Amino acid sequence: MNNKDLLDTFATKLSGSIEQQQFEQAINQVQELRPIDIADVLALMASKLAWQLLERLPNRSTVFSYLEPDIQVAMAHEFPRESMAILVGEMPADERTDLYKHLNQDQRDALLPALAQAQREDIRRLSAYEERTAGALMTSDYATLAAHMTVTEALAALRLEAPDAETIYHAYVIDDERKLSGVVSLRALILAAPEQLINDIMLSTVVSCNVNDDQEDVAKVVARYDLIALPITDDHGALVGIVTHDDAMDVASDEATDDFHKSGGVTTMVGRLKDVSIKVLYRKRVFWLVFLVFGNLLSGFSIANFEEVIAANLVLVFFLPLLVDSGGNAGSQSATLMVRALATGDVVMRDWLSLLGREAIVALMLGATMAVAISIIGYVRGDAIVSLVLALSMMSVVMIGCVIGMSLPFVLNKIGLDPATASAPLITSVCDASGVLIYLFIASQFLSIG
């Protein structure tokens, strides 16, 4: 169910049933829907009505987890403390902690005393990790086994842990100090003889990440090794949590969206675009636009320095936008390729010199091809000298644009900034200024003044 009009109609119908206290009818209307579809419907309803329906659903915690954080917080205002505690207690540890972080202090103070002590301690521990790290992303709901267990004992233990574990497809083998010593899959357990020891069938070489690792690096590890879940250890090698595949892919999606916004000169956005306020949209976009206004003054200064050349050869003005835009377009292409390659780990800083040589050759080929096209137009609009100026300018502008576009992400990465900051507007502005200067300088060398 993803048609907006259909969702609106369905949400209105459900709201009417709830207002009339026809809860059984409302539940029957949504029982055939998937949890994520129910969440989409609840998001369109008034918070009070949505909560009255949600608390009566058998899969309420799953449905609630699909709601956006701002909607979860809005609905939390409608929760009685006891009902809120029940819902939070049913949620996975990582989602429970995410909700807790979004609540205000009064809501936190009301919620914590209503939770079981183990849940309170778990929330405090997980919420203490720095944002955007593996610790903030992980869940503490995982299955563990001991190396001395038999397969029969291990399967019995998993049956007990399964209701609370995020996944049981992989169980982690730990010692008495919770040091991670191996991992065993459910498939291996099923295929093994009942009397075999876990120590004999486990994989002792375990891919893991540290609790302080960046969440983007965690997502890359999960994707690289195609893991269902990635164990997270502390500085002493003790297992403290796991990051599941779906959470890692959410991070990858968020990081890609973040990079995409930066490539357009927009700072990091939070939440859905249609729900973001005008004030936030203004604040997220104004910095780069104002910054680039002053950056574009360089183009104006370049033109001012060559006023006599332009006045004596007005045909140059006709080709000015075409040339500088070509340099900006070429630079944006190069920057896009490099930003993505750096993000995925395909290239590193030491590759810059070799890539520079390749990019120069490609830029020369691109510039020569474009120079042929523009020189023909230049000859028609002017003469052979104008045609030569345009051809040389085009080759130079495209060459400089490609080199700048390829190199700027490396420079930003070297000084510790996000390469995605080499956004299309920034690259375009730099290439525009250099393109104007190159074009008019070449023109001044070949064309007469006055």
Protein backbone atom coordinates (compact mmCIF):
# COMPACT_ATOMS: atom_id res chain seq x y z
CA MET A 1 0.00 0.00 0.00
CA ASN A 2 1.94 3.05 -1.19
CA ASN A 3 -0.60 5.19 -3.04
CA LYS A 4 -0.89 8.51 -1.14
CA ASP A 5 -4.58 9.03 -1.87
CA LEU A 6 -5.37 5.46 -0.84
CA LEU A 7 -3.44 5.88 2.40
CA ASP A 8 -5.23 9.13 3.21
CA THR A 9 -8.63 7.54 2.60
CA PHE A 10 -7.77 4.51 4.70
CA ALA A 11 -6.39 6.64 7.55
CA THR A 12 -9.57 8.75 7.56
CA LYS A 13 -11.72 5.61 7.70
CA LEU A 14 -9.71 4.18 10.57
CA SER A 15 -9.84 7.48 12.47
CA GLY A 16 -13.62 7.43 12.20
CA SER A 17 -13.83 3.90 13.58
CA ILE A 18 -11.57 4.76 16.53
CA GLU A 19 -13.46 7.96 17.34
CA GLN A 20 -16.60 5.83 17.57
CA GLN A 21 -14.78 3.35 19.85
CA GLN A 22 -15.08 0.60 17.22
CA PHE A 23 -11.65 -0.82 18.01
CA GLU A 24 -12.34 -4.38 16.92
CA GLN A 25 -13.48 -3.16 13.51
CA ALA A 26 -10.37 -0.96 13.19
CA ILE A 27 -8.08 -3.87 14.06
CA ASN A 28 -9.81 -6.08 11.50
CA GLN A 29 -9.22 -3.41 8.86
CA VAL A 30 -5.44 -3.46 9.35
CA GLN A 31 -4.78 -7.07 10.33
CA GLU A 32 -4.02 -8.10 6.73
CA LEU A 33 -1.49 -5.29 6.26
CA ARG A 34 2.24 -5.60 6.80
CA PRO A 35 3.67 -3.72 9.80
CA ILE A 36 5.37 -1.09 7.62
CA ASP A 37 2.08 -0.38 5.81
CA ILE A 38 0.25 -0.02 9.13
CA ALA A 39 2.94 2.44 10.22
CA ASP A 40 2.36 4.50 7.05
CA VAL A 41 -1.34 4.70 7.91
CA LEU A 42 -0.72 5.60 11.57
CA ALA A 43 1.62 8.40 10.47
CA LEU A 44 -1.32 10.10 8.75
CA MET A 45 -3.59 9.93 11.79
CA ALA A 46 -3.80 12.20 14.83
CA SER A 47 -1.33 11.03 17.48
CA LYS A 48 -4.02 10.30 20.06
CA LEU A 49 -6.09 8.18 17.67
CA ALA A 50 -3.00 6.42 16.31
CA TRP A 51 -1.95 5.47 19.82
CA GLN A 52 -5.39 4.08 20.69
CA LEU A 53 -5.12 1.73 17.73
CA LEU A 54 -1.44 0.94 18.16
CA GLU A 55 -1.70 -0.21 21.78
CA ARG A 56 -4.31 -2.80 20.78
CA LEU A 57 -2.23 -4.37 17.99
CA PRO A 58 -0.49 -7.68 18.74
CA ASN A 59 2.60 -6.57 16.77
CA ARG A 60 2.62 -3.02 18.14
CA SER A 61 6.36 -2.81 18.83
CA THR A 62 7.20 -3.85 15.25
CA VAL A 63 4.74 -1.33 13.80
CA PHE A 64 6.03 1.40 16.10
CA SER A 65 9.63 0.78 15.00
CA TYR A 66 8.72 1.69 11.41
CA LEU A 67 7.50 5.15 12.37
CA GLU A 68 9.77 8.16 11.90
CA PRO A 69 11.43 9.38 15.15
CA ASP A 70 9.46 12.64 15.21
CA ILE A 71 6.18 10.72 14.91
CA GLN A 72 7.28 8.30 17.64
CA VAL A 73 8.00 11.23 19.94
CA ALA A 74 4.67 12.89 19.10
CA MET A 75 2.82 9.67 19.90
CA ALA A 76 4.82 9.26 23.11
CA HIS A 77 3.04 12.35 24.46
CA GLU A 78 -0.18 10.33 24.29
CA PHE A 79 1.19 7.25 26.07
CA PRO A 80 0.29 6.54 29.68
CA ARG A 81 3.54 5.72 31.46
CA GLU A 82 2.65 2.09 32.05
CA SER A 83 1.62 1.55 28.42
CA MET A 84 4.75 3.28 27.23
CA ALA A 85 6.90 1.02 29.40
CA ILE A 86 5.21 -2.09 28.01
CA LEU A 87 5.77 -0.95 24.41
CA VAL A 88 9.39 0.03 25.02
CA GLY A 89 10.04 -3.25 26.80
CA GLU A 90 8.87 -5.15 23.71
CA MET A 91 11.17 -3.22 21.37
CA PRO A 92 14.64 -4.47 20.33
CA ALA A 93 17.42 -2.97 22.42
CA ASP A 94 18.82 -0.72 19.67
CA GLU A 95 15.42 0.67 18.67
CA ARG A 96 14.51 1.16 22.33
CA THR A 97 17.67 3.21 22.80
CA ASP A 98 17.07 5.26 19.64
CA LEU A 99 13.63 6.22 20.93
CA TYR A 100 15.06 7.12 24.33
CA LYS A 101 17.58 9.49 22.70
CA HIS A 102 14.77 11.34 20.93
CA LEU A 103 12.66 11.87 24.06
CA ASN A 104 12.97 15.03 26.11
CA GLN A 105 14.26 14.87 29.67
CA ASP A 106 10.79 14.85 31.26
CA GLN A 107 9.74 11.90 29.11
CA ARG A 108 12.96 10.04 29.94
CA ASP A 109 12.47 10.64 33.65
CA ALA A 110 8.92 9.31 33.41
CA LEU A 111 9.87 6.26 31.34
CA LEU A 112 12.94 4.86 33.08
CA PRO A 113 11.37 4.07 36.48
CA ALA A 114 8.61 2.08 34.75
CA LEU A 115 11.09 -0.23 33.00
CA ALA A 116 12.72 -3.34 34.36
CA GLN A 117 16.15 -2.74 35.88
CA ALA A 118 17.92 -4.71 33.14
CA GLN A 119 16.22 -2.61 30.47
CA ARG A 120 17.13 0.62 32.27
CA GLU A 121 20.78 -0.36 32.50
CA ASP A 122 20.81 -1.45 28.87
CA ILE A 123 19.38 1.89 27.70
CA ARG A 124 21.88 3.86 29.78
CA ARG A 125 24.79 1.80 28.48
CA LEU A 126 23.85 1.96 24.80
CA SER A 127 22.87 5.64 24.87
CA ALA A 128 26.27 6.53 26.36
CA TYR A 129 28.13 5.71 23.15
CA GLU A 130 29.05 8.57 20.84
CA GLU A 131 26.69 9.13 17.93
CA ARG A 132 27.63 7.66 14.53
CA THR A 133 29.79 4.97 16.12
CA ALA A 134 29.35 1.22 16.19
CA GLY A 135 28.34 1.45 19.84
CA ALA A 136 25.44 3.78 19.06
CA LEU A 137 24.31 1.51 16.22
CA MET A 138 24.57 -1.91 17.85
CA THR A 139 22.01 -3.95 19.76
CA SER A 140 22.62 -6.02 22.88
CA ASP A 141 20.06 -8.65 21.82
CA TYR A 142 22.28 -11.45 20.53
CA ALA A 143 22.79 -15.15 21.14
CA THR A 144 25.90 -16.49 22.86
CA LEU A 145 27.28 -19.98 23.45
CA ALA A 146 30.18 -21.53 25.35
CA ALA A 147 32.91 -23.48 23.58
CA HIS A 148 32.51 -26.50 25.88
CA MET A 149 28.82 -26.98 25.03
CA THR A 150 27.65 -29.89 22.92
CA VAL A 151 25.48 -29.25 19.88
CA THR A 152 22.47 -30.57 21.78
CA GLU A 153 23.11 -28.18 24.67
CA ALA A 154 23.69 -25.30 22.25
CA LEU A 155 20.38 -25.84 20.45
CA ALA A 156 18.57 -25.99 23.79
CA ALA A 157 20.23 -22.72 24.84
CA LEU A 158 19.27 -21.04 21.55
CA ARG A 159 15.63 -22.04 22.04
CA LEU A 160 15.68 -20.09 25.29
CA GLU A 161 17.47 -17.07 23.82
CA ALA A 162 15.56 -16.93 20.52
CA PRO A 163 12.57 -14.84 21.73
CA ASP A 164 14.84 -11.95 22.78
CA ALA A 165 17.67 -12.25 20.27
CA GLU A 166 17.79 -10.02 17.19
CA THR A 167 19.00 -13.00 15.16
CA ILE A 168 19.91 -16.63 15.96
CA TYR A 169 21.30 -17.49 12.54
CA HIS A 170 24.71 -16.81 14.03
CA ALA A 171 25.61 -17.40 17.67
CA TYR A 172 28.80 -15.99 19.19
CA VAL A 173 31.12 -18.10 21.29
CA ILE A 174 32.51 -16.31 24.34
CA ASP A 175 34.65 -17.28 27.30
CA ASP A 176 34.14 -16.51 30.99
CA GLU A 177 35.36 -12.94 30.46
CA ARG A 178 33.03 -12.49 27.46
CA LYS A 179 36.01 -12.43 25.09
CA LEU A 180 34.89 -13.28 21.55
CA SER A 181 36.50 -16.56 20.55
CA GLY A 182 34.36 -17.80 17.66
CA VAL A 183 31.09 -17.83 15.77
CA VAL A 184 28.85 -20.71 14.77
CA SER A 185 25.94 -20.66 12.32
CA LEU A 186 22.58 -22.26 12.89
CA ARG A 187 23.19 -24.27 9.72
CA ALA A 188 26.39 -25.72 11.20
CA LEU A 189 24.55 -26.64 14.39
CA ILE A 190 21.79 -28.44 12.53
CA LEU A 191 24.23 -30.41 10.37
CA ALA A 192 26.58 -31.35 13.22
CA ALA A 193 26.33 -34.52 15.30
CA PRO A 194 24.49 -33.97 18.62
CA GLU A 195 27.53 -34.89 20.74
CA GLN A 196 30.02 -32.63 18.93
CA LEU A 197 31.47 -29.72 20.87
CA ILE A 198 30.94 -26.13 19.79
CA ASN A 199 34.71 -25.68 19.95
CA ASP A 200 35.07 -28.23 17.12
CA ILE A 201 32.58 -26.67 14.69
CA MET A 202 32.91 -22.94 15.35
CA LEU A 203 34.85 -20.53 13.15
CA SER A 204 37.61 -19.08 15.29
CA THR A 205 38.49 -16.33 12.79
CA VAL A 206 35.73 -13.80 13.37
CA VAL A 207 35.22 -10.56 11.49
CA SER A 208 34.40 -7.87 14.05
CA CYS A 209 34.58 -4.13 14.69
CA ASN A 210 35.46 -2.03 17.70
CA VAL A 211 32.74 -0.22 19.59
CA ASN A 212 34.31 3.16 18.71
CA ASP A 213 34.57 2.52 14.95
CA ASP A 214 32.66 4.87 12.65
CA GLN A 215 29.26 3.53 11.64
CA GLU A 216 30.08 4.01 7.96
CA ASP A 217 33.10 1.71 8.34
CA VAL A 218 30.86 -0.83 10.07
CA ALA A 219 28.42 -0.76 7.15
CA LYS A 220 31.28 -1.29 4.71
CA VAL A 221 32.49 -4.36 6.64
CA VAL A 222 28.98 -5.85 6.69
CA ALA A 223 28.63 -5.28 2.94
CA ARG A 224 32.12 -6.53 2.10
CA TYR A 225 31.74 -9.84 3.92
CA ASP A 226 27.98 -10.15 3.28
CA LEU A 227 27.28 -10.68 6.97
CA ILE A 228 23.90 -11.22 8.60
CA ALA A 229 25.30 -9.55 11.71
CA LEU A 230 28.64 -8.10 12.75
CA PRO A 231 29.93 -8.60 16.32
CA ILE A 232 31.12 -5.48 18.14
CA THR A 233 33.81 -5.70 20.80
CA ASP A 234 35.25 -3.26 23.34
CA ASP A 235 38.91 -2.32 23.69
CA HIS A 236 39.56 -5.51 25.66
CA GLY A 237 38.07 -7.82 23.02
CA ALA A 238 34.88 -8.53 24.99
CA LEU A 239 31.66 -8.89 23.02
CA VAL A 240 29.29 -5.99 23.77
CA GLY A 241 26.80 -6.11 20.89
CA ILE A 242 26.08 -6.82 17.26
CA VAL A 243 25.11 -4.71 14.25
CA THR A 244 22.57 -6.44 12.06
CA HIS A 245 22.55 -6.34 8.27
CA ASP A 246 19.39 -4.22 8.05
CA ASP A 247 20.78 -1.57 10.41
CA ALA A 248 24.06 -1.48 8.47
CA MET A 249 22.19 -1.00 5.20
CA ASP A 250 20.17 1.83 6.78
CA VAL A 251 23.47 3.50 7.62
CA ALA A 252 24.73 3.01 4.07
CA SER A 253 21.52 4.55 2.73
CA ASP A 254 21.74 7.49 5.15
CA GLU A 255 25.40 8.10 4.31
CA ALA A 256 24.65 7.99 0.57
CA THR A 257 21.81 10.48 1.08
CA ASP A 258 24.10 12.68 3.14
CA ASP A 259 26.77 12.64 0.41
CA PHE A 260 24.12 13.35 -2.22
CA HIS A 261 22.94 16.41 -0.28
CA LYS A 262 26.50 17.65 0.16
CA SER A 263 27.17 17.22 -3.54
CA GLY A 264 24.37 19.72 -4.13
CA GLY A 265 25.71 22.19 -1.58
CA VAL A 266 23.12 21.26 1.08
CA THR A 267 24.22 20.41 4.62
CA THR A 268 22.97 17.26 6.31
CA MET A 269 19.19 16.95 6.37
CA VAL A 270 17.24 15.25 9.14
CA GLY A 271 13.85 13.63 8.55
CA ARG A 272 11.65 13.55 5.51
CA LEU A 273 11.77 16.48 3.08
CA LYS A 274 8.02 17.05 3.16
CA ASP A 275 8.11 17.37 6.96
CA VAL A 276 11.11 19.73 7.18
CA SER A 277 10.23 23.31 8.08
CA ILE A 278 10.94 26.29 5.83
CA LYS A 279 13.35 27.63 8.45
CA VAL A 280 15.39 24.42 8.39
CA LEU A 281 15.43 24.30 4.58
CA TYR A 282 16.69 27.87 4.53
CA ARG A 283 19.38 27.20 7.12
CA LYS A 284 20.61 24.05 5.38
CA ARG A 285 21.05 25.77 2.01
CA VAL A 286 22.00 29.37 2.68
CA PHE A 287 25.66 28.89 3.70
CA TRP A 288 26.94 27.44 0.44
CA LEU A 289 24.92 29.85 -1.70
CA VAL A 290 26.26 32.93 0.14
CA PHE A 291 29.79 31.49 0.19
CA LEU A 292 29.71 30.84 -3.55
CA VAL A 293 28.42 34.35 -4.25
CA PHE A 294 31.74 35.68 -3.01
CA GLY A 295 33.58 32.88 -4.80
CA ASN A 296 31.97 33.91 -8.08
CA LEU A 297 33.37 37.41 -7.64
CA LEU A 298 36.65 35.95 -8.91
CA SER A 299 35.01 35.57 -12.31
CA GLY A 300 33.99 39.23 -12.17
CA PHE A 301 37.52 40.34 -11.30
CA SER A 302 38.90 38.32 -14.20
CA ILE A 303 36.49 39.94 -16.64
CA ALA A 304 37.29 43.40 -15.25
CA ASN A 305 41.00 42.86 -15.90
CA PHE A 306 40.36 42.10 -19.57
CA GLU A 307 37.77 44.79 -20.35
CA GLU A 308 39.82 46.18 -23.24
CA VAL A 309 40.16 42.78 -24.90
CA ILE A 310 36.42 42.16 -24.60
CA ALA A 311 35.56 45.66 -25.86
CA ALA A 312 37.75 45.17 -28.92
CA ASN A 313 36.44 41.67 -29.64
CA LEU A 314 32.78 41.43 -28.60
CA VAL A 315 32.50 38.01 -30.23
CA LEU A 316 34.30 36.65 -27.15
CA VAL A 317 31.21 37.32 -25.01
CA PHE A 318 29.12 34.95 -27.11
CA PHE A 319 31.39 32.01 -26.25
CA LEU A 320 32.13 32.89 -22.61
CA PRO A 321 29.22 30.98 -20.97
CA LEU A 322 29.82 27.97 -23.21
CA LEU A 323 33.48 27.69 -22.30
CA VAL A 324 33.22 28.18 -18.55
CA ASP A 325 30.24 25.83 -18.30
CA SER A 326 32.20 23.16 -20.14
CA GLY A 327 34.99 23.39 -17.58
CA GLY A 328 32.50 23.21 -14.71
CA ASN A 329 30.72 20.22 -16.22
CA ALA A 330 33.97 18.36 -16.79
CA GLY A 331 35.12 19.15 -13.26
CA SER A 332 31.83 17.97 -11.76
CA GLN A 333 32.13 14.67 -13.60
CA SER A 334 35.63 14.09 -12.27
CA ALA A 335 34.65 15.10 -8.74
CA THR A 336 31.66 12.76 -8.74
CA LEU A 337 33.81 9.81 -9.78
CA MET A 338 36.47 10.56 -7.16
CA VAL A 339 34.05 11.24 -4.29
CA ARG A 340 32.30 7.94 -4.87
CA ALA A 341 35.57 6.03 -5.29
CA LEU A 342 36.90 7.47 -2.01
CA ALA A 343 33.63 6.68 -0.22
CA THR A 344 33.68 3.04 -1.31
CA GLY A 345 37.39 2.60 -0.67
CA ASP A 346 38.19 1.93 -4.33
CA VAL A 347 40.94 4.56 -4.17
CA VAL A 348 43.09 6.00 -1.36
CA MET A 349 45.39 9.01 -1.03
CA ARG A 350 48.44 7.23 -2.44
CA ASP A 351 46.53 6.66 -5.71
CA TRP A 352 46.27 10.38 -6.42
CA LEU A 353 49.40 10.73 -8.57
CA SER A 354 48.63 7.76 -10.82
CA LEU A 355 45.00 8.85 -11.16
CA LEU A 356 46.14 12.39 -11.98
CA GLY A 357 48.08 11.13 -15.00
CA ARG A 358 45.13 9.09 -16.25
CA GLU A 359 42.72 11.98 -15.70
CA ALA A 360 45.02 14.36 -17.60
CA ILE A 361 45.02 12.03 -20.62
CA VAL A 362 41.23 11.64 -20.51
CA ALA A 363 40.80 15.41 -20.08
CA LEU A 364 43.06 16.05 -23.07
CA MET A 365 41.00 13.71 -25.22
CA LEU A 366 37.73 15.26 -24.04
CA GLY A 367 39.05 18.79 -24.53
CA ALA A 368 40.33 18.03 -28.02
CA THR A 369 36.98 16.59 -29.06
CA MET A 370 35.09 19.59 -27.70
CA ALA A 371 37.67 21.97 -29.20
CA VAL A 372 36.99 20.66 -32.69
CA ALA A 373 33.27 21.32 -32.28
CA ILE A 374 33.64 24.83 -30.87
CA SER A 375 36.35 25.88 -33.33
CA ILE A 376 33.96 25.30 -36.22
CA ILE A 377 31.38 27.56 -34.58
CA GLY A 378 34.11 30.10 -33.84
CA TYR A 379 35.19 30.21 -37.44
CA VAL A 380 31.60 30.83 -38.56
CA ARG A 381 31.01 33.56 -35.97
CA GLY A 382 34.46 35.16 -36.23
CA ASP A 383 37.57 34.15 -38.12
CA ALA A 384 40.49 31.70 -38.01
CA ILE A 385 42.13 33.49 -35.06
CA VAL A 386 38.92 33.37 -33.00
CA SER A 387 38.59 29.71 -33.91
CA LEU A 388 42.13 29.03 -32.66
CA VAL A 389 41.52 30.96 -29.43
CA LEU A 390 38.37 28.95 -28.74
CA ALA A 391 40.03 25.62 -29.48
CA LEU A 392 43.01 26.33 -27.19
CA SER A 393 40.74 27.75 -24.50
CA MET A 394 38.41 24.75 -24.59
CA MET A 395 41.27 22.27 -24.24
CA SER A 396 42.79 24.27 -21.38
CA VAL A 397 39.52 24.85 -19.54
CA VAL A 398 38.46 21.19 -19.71
CA MET A 399 41.94 20.06 -18.65
CA ILE A 400 42.01 22.40 -15.64
CA GLY A 401 38.40 21.55 -14.74
CA CYS A 402 39.07 17.81 -14.71
CA VAL A 403 42.26 18.18 -12.66
CA ILE A 404 40.55 20.42 -10.10
CA GLY A 405 37.50 18.17 -9.93
CA MET A 406 39.63 15.08 -9.40
CA SER A 407 42.07 16.64 -6.92
CA LEU A 408 39.76 18.60 -4.64
CA PRO A 409 38.15 15.51 -3.03
CA PHE A 410 41.65 14.17 -2.25
CA VAL A 411 42.65 17.50 -0.70
CA LEU A 412 39.52 17.60 1.48
CA ASN A 413 40.05 13.99 2.51
CA LYS A 414 43.67 14.74 3.41
CA ILE A 415 42.72 17.58 5.77
CA GLY A 416 40.02 15.50 7.43
CA LEU A 417 36.91 16.88 5.70
CA ASP A 418 34.24 14.87 3.92
CA PRO A 419 35.19 14.55 0.21
CA ALA A 420 31.50 14.97 -0.62
CA THR A 421 31.99 18.61 0.35
CA ALA A 422 33.62 18.95 -3.08
CA SER A 423 30.09 19.64 -4.19
CA ALA A 424 28.92 20.43 -7.68
CA PRO A 425 28.35 24.13 -6.84
CA LEU A 426 31.85 24.46 -5.36
CA ILE A 427 33.56 22.71 -8.27
CA THR A 428 31.52 24.74 -10.76
CA SER A 429 32.42 28.04 -9.09
CA VAL A 430 36.15 27.23 -8.99
CA CYS A 431 36.14 26.05 -12.58
CA ASP A 432 34.14 29.08 -13.71
CA ALA A 433 36.65 31.50 -12.23
CA SER A 434 39.66 29.65 -13.66
CA GLY A 435 37.89 29.19 -17.00
CA VAL A 436 37.20 32.91 -17.41
CA LEU A 437 40.80 33.75 -16.57
CA ILE A 438 42.23 31.16 -18.98
CA TYR A 439 39.90 32.10 -21.83
CA LEU A 440 40.50 35.84 -21.65
CA PHE A 441 44.25 35.42 -21.13
CA ILE A 442 44.56 33.30 -24.27
CA ALA A 443 42.37 35.75 -26.16
CA SER A 444 44.57 38.68 -25.07
CA GLN A 445 47.63 36.92 -26.51
CA PHE A 446 46.12 36.30 -29.97
CA LEU A 447 43.62 39.09 -30.54
CA SER A 448 44.35 42.79 -31.07
CA ILE A 449 43.19 45.50 -28.70
CA GLY A 450 41.68 48.67 -30.13
